[in-house]
N, C-alpha and C. Protein backbone atom coordinates (compact mmCIF):
# COMPACT_ATOMS: atom_id res chain seq x y z
N MET A 1 8.30 20.10 -21.21
CA MET A 1 6.99 19.41 -21.10
C MET A 1 7.12 17.90 -20.90
N GLU A 2 8.14 17.38 -21.47
CA GLU A 2 8.40 15.96 -21.46
C GLU A 2 8.78 15.46 -20.03
N GLN A 3 9.44 16.33 -19.32
CA GLN A 3 9.88 15.90 -17.91
C GLN A 3 8.62 15.81 -17.00
N ASP A 4 7.49 16.42 -17.43
CA ASP A 4 6.26 16.34 -16.58
C ASP A 4 5.56 15.02 -16.73
N LYS A 5 5.99 14.20 -17.76
CA LYS A 5 5.37 12.90 -17.97
C LYS A 5 6.17 11.81 -17.38
N THR A 6 7.04 12.07 -16.50
CA THR A 6 7.83 11.03 -15.83
C THR A 6 7.70 11.11 -14.33
N ASN A 7 7.81 9.94 -13.66
CA ASN A 7 7.71 9.95 -12.25
C ASN A 7 9.14 9.83 -11.60
N SER A 8 9.27 9.64 -10.39
CA SER A 8 10.55 9.54 -9.64
C SER A 8 11.37 8.38 -10.14
N SER A 9 10.80 7.39 -10.67
CA SER A 9 11.62 6.20 -11.07
C SER A 9 11.98 6.35 -12.59
N LYS A 10 11.74 7.45 -13.16
CA LYS A 10 12.01 7.74 -14.49
C LYS A 10 11.38 6.92 -15.60
N THR A 11 10.22 6.46 -15.20
CA THR A 11 9.38 5.78 -16.22
C THR A 11 8.33 6.68 -16.71
N THR A 12 7.89 6.52 -17.95
CA THR A 12 6.89 7.40 -18.46
C THR A 12 5.54 7.07 -18.01
N MET A 13 4.67 8.11 -17.84
CA MET A 13 3.32 7.91 -17.33
C MET A 13 2.42 7.48 -18.47
N GLU A 14 1.45 6.62 -18.24
CA GLU A 14 0.56 6.19 -19.27
C GLU A 14 -0.47 7.22 -19.57
N THR A 15 -0.78 7.46 -20.80
CA THR A 15 -1.69 8.43 -21.20
C THR A 15 -2.77 7.89 -22.09
N ASN A 16 -2.52 6.56 -22.59
CA ASN A 16 -3.49 5.91 -23.48
C ASN A 16 -4.49 5.15 -22.58
N TYR A 17 -5.47 5.84 -22.04
CA TYR A 17 -6.50 5.22 -21.15
C TYR A 17 -7.48 4.33 -21.88
N ALA A 18 -7.73 4.69 -23.16
CA ALA A 18 -8.69 3.85 -23.97
C ALA A 18 -8.19 2.44 -24.19
N LYS A 19 -6.93 2.29 -24.07
CA LYS A 19 -6.35 0.92 -24.27
C LYS A 19 -6.85 -0.06 -23.27
N HIS A 20 -7.28 0.40 -22.05
CA HIS A 20 -7.66 -0.48 -20.96
C HIS A 20 -9.10 -0.47 -20.64
N GLU A 21 -9.94 0.14 -21.55
CA GLU A 21 -11.37 0.17 -21.26
C GLU A 21 -12.01 -1.15 -21.15
N ASP A 22 -11.52 -2.18 -21.92
CA ASP A 22 -12.20 -3.51 -21.82
C ASP A 22 -11.68 -4.29 -20.61
N ASN A 23 -10.54 -3.96 -19.99
CA ASN A 23 -10.06 -4.72 -18.77
C ASN A 23 -9.44 -3.63 -17.92
N PRO A 24 -10.27 -2.95 -17.08
CA PRO A 24 -9.81 -1.88 -16.27
C PRO A 24 -9.12 -2.30 -14.91
N GLY A 25 -8.92 -3.58 -14.64
CA GLY A 25 -8.46 -4.11 -13.40
C GLY A 25 -7.02 -3.89 -13.25
N LEU A 26 -6.53 -4.54 -12.09
CA LEU A 26 -5.02 -4.33 -11.76
C LEU A 26 -4.19 -4.98 -12.86
N PRO A 27 -3.01 -4.47 -13.12
CA PRO A 27 -2.16 -5.11 -14.02
C PRO A 27 -1.59 -6.39 -13.48
N LYS A 28 -1.20 -7.32 -14.31
CA LYS A 28 -0.73 -8.66 -13.90
C LYS A 28 0.42 -8.52 -13.07
N VAL A 29 1.38 -7.55 -13.23
CA VAL A 29 2.52 -7.29 -12.44
C VAL A 29 2.14 -7.07 -10.98
N ALA A 30 1.04 -6.23 -10.79
CA ALA A 30 0.61 -5.98 -9.39
C ALA A 30 0.02 -7.18 -8.63
N LEU A 31 -0.61 -8.05 -9.43
CA LEU A 31 -1.19 -9.21 -8.84
C LEU A 31 -0.13 -10.23 -8.47
N ASP A 32 0.93 -10.33 -9.22
CA ASP A 32 2.08 -11.35 -9.00
C ASP A 32 3.13 -10.82 -8.19
N GLU A 33 3.04 -9.58 -7.63
CA GLU A 33 4.16 -8.95 -6.98
C GLU A 33 4.46 -9.69 -5.63
N LYS A 34 5.72 -9.99 -5.37
CA LYS A 34 6.04 -10.69 -4.15
C LYS A 34 5.88 -9.75 -2.89
N ASP A 35 5.33 -10.23 -1.85
CA ASP A 35 5.25 -9.38 -0.70
C ASP A 35 6.46 -9.54 0.24
N ASP A 36 7.33 -8.64 0.03
CA ASP A 36 8.63 -8.79 0.65
C ASP A 36 8.89 -7.78 1.82
N LYS A 37 7.83 -6.92 2.06
CA LYS A 37 8.02 -5.88 3.10
C LYS A 37 7.35 -6.25 4.43
N LYS A 38 6.38 -7.18 4.47
CA LYS A 38 5.79 -7.65 5.67
C LYS A 38 5.12 -6.53 6.49
N VAL A 39 4.70 -5.49 5.81
CA VAL A 39 3.96 -4.48 6.59
C VAL A 39 2.73 -4.82 7.27
N GLY A 40 1.95 -5.65 6.59
CA GLY A 40 0.65 -6.17 7.16
C GLY A 40 0.93 -6.86 8.41
N PHE A 41 1.93 -7.76 8.50
CA PHE A 41 2.23 -8.50 9.73
C PHE A 41 2.66 -7.54 10.82
N THR A 42 3.46 -6.55 10.57
CA THR A 42 3.96 -5.62 11.55
C THR A 42 2.72 -4.75 12.12
N ILE A 43 1.89 -4.28 11.29
CA ILE A 43 0.81 -3.46 11.65
C ILE A 43 -0.18 -4.28 12.53
N HIS A 44 -0.37 -5.54 12.11
CA HIS A 44 -1.32 -6.37 12.86
C HIS A 44 -0.85 -6.53 14.36
N TRP A 45 0.48 -6.83 14.50
CA TRP A 45 0.96 -7.02 15.90
C TRP A 45 1.06 -5.69 16.64
N SER A 46 1.34 -4.57 15.94
CA SER A 46 1.42 -3.30 16.58
C SER A 46 0.07 -2.89 17.12
N ILE A 47 -1.01 -3.17 16.41
CA ILE A 47 -2.28 -2.81 16.90
C ILE A 47 -2.68 -3.62 18.11
N ILE A 48 -2.31 -4.93 18.12
CA ILE A 48 -2.61 -5.85 19.26
C ILE A 48 -1.81 -5.33 20.48
N VAL A 49 -0.60 -4.99 20.36
CA VAL A 49 0.20 -4.54 21.46
C VAL A 49 -0.39 -3.16 21.94
N ALA A 50 -0.80 -2.28 21.07
CA ALA A 50 -1.35 -1.04 21.51
C ALA A 50 -2.68 -1.16 22.31
N VAL A 51 -3.48 -2.13 21.86
CA VAL A 51 -4.78 -2.34 22.51
C VAL A 51 -4.42 -2.93 23.93
N ILE A 52 -3.62 -3.90 23.99
CA ILE A 52 -3.27 -4.40 25.29
C ILE A 52 -2.71 -3.41 26.22
N ALA A 53 -1.76 -2.54 25.79
CA ALA A 53 -1.23 -1.45 26.53
C ALA A 53 -2.24 -0.45 27.03
N LEU A 54 -3.11 -0.13 26.16
CA LEU A 54 -4.22 0.84 26.52
C LEU A 54 -5.15 0.16 27.54
N ALA A 55 -5.41 -1.14 27.37
CA ALA A 55 -6.34 -1.89 28.38
C ALA A 55 -5.68 -1.86 29.74
N ILE A 56 -4.44 -2.16 29.79
CA ILE A 56 -3.63 -2.09 31.04
C ILE A 56 -3.66 -0.67 31.66
N ALA A 57 -3.40 0.31 30.85
CA ALA A 57 -3.42 1.64 31.34
C ALA A 57 -4.81 2.07 31.79
N TYR A 58 -5.83 1.62 31.15
CA TYR A 58 -7.21 1.94 31.53
C TYR A 58 -7.53 1.33 32.95
N PHE A 59 -7.18 0.03 33.08
CA PHE A 59 -7.49 -0.61 34.36
C PHE A 59 -6.59 -0.11 35.55
N PHE A 60 -5.36 0.30 35.13
CA PHE A 60 -4.42 0.85 36.20
C PHE A 60 -4.89 2.21 36.70
N PHE A 61 -5.30 3.08 35.85
CA PHE A 61 -5.74 4.45 36.24
C PHE A 61 -7.18 4.56 36.50
N ARG A 62 -7.95 3.51 36.54
CA ARG A 62 -9.35 3.44 36.78
C ARG A 62 -9.67 3.65 38.21
């Protein structure tokens, strides 16, 4: 039963939900976490390139 209370990083899951009733927001660690993956930048440019490619294809096959 104890193995069910752990996740893949082997940290225990929180079960004391009443402890955070007065402040249910994000934990300080999540707010201060460094953005080192740059996914937002990649997705932003991927969408722009896809829209341009679709516009070119639309005008080419029109």
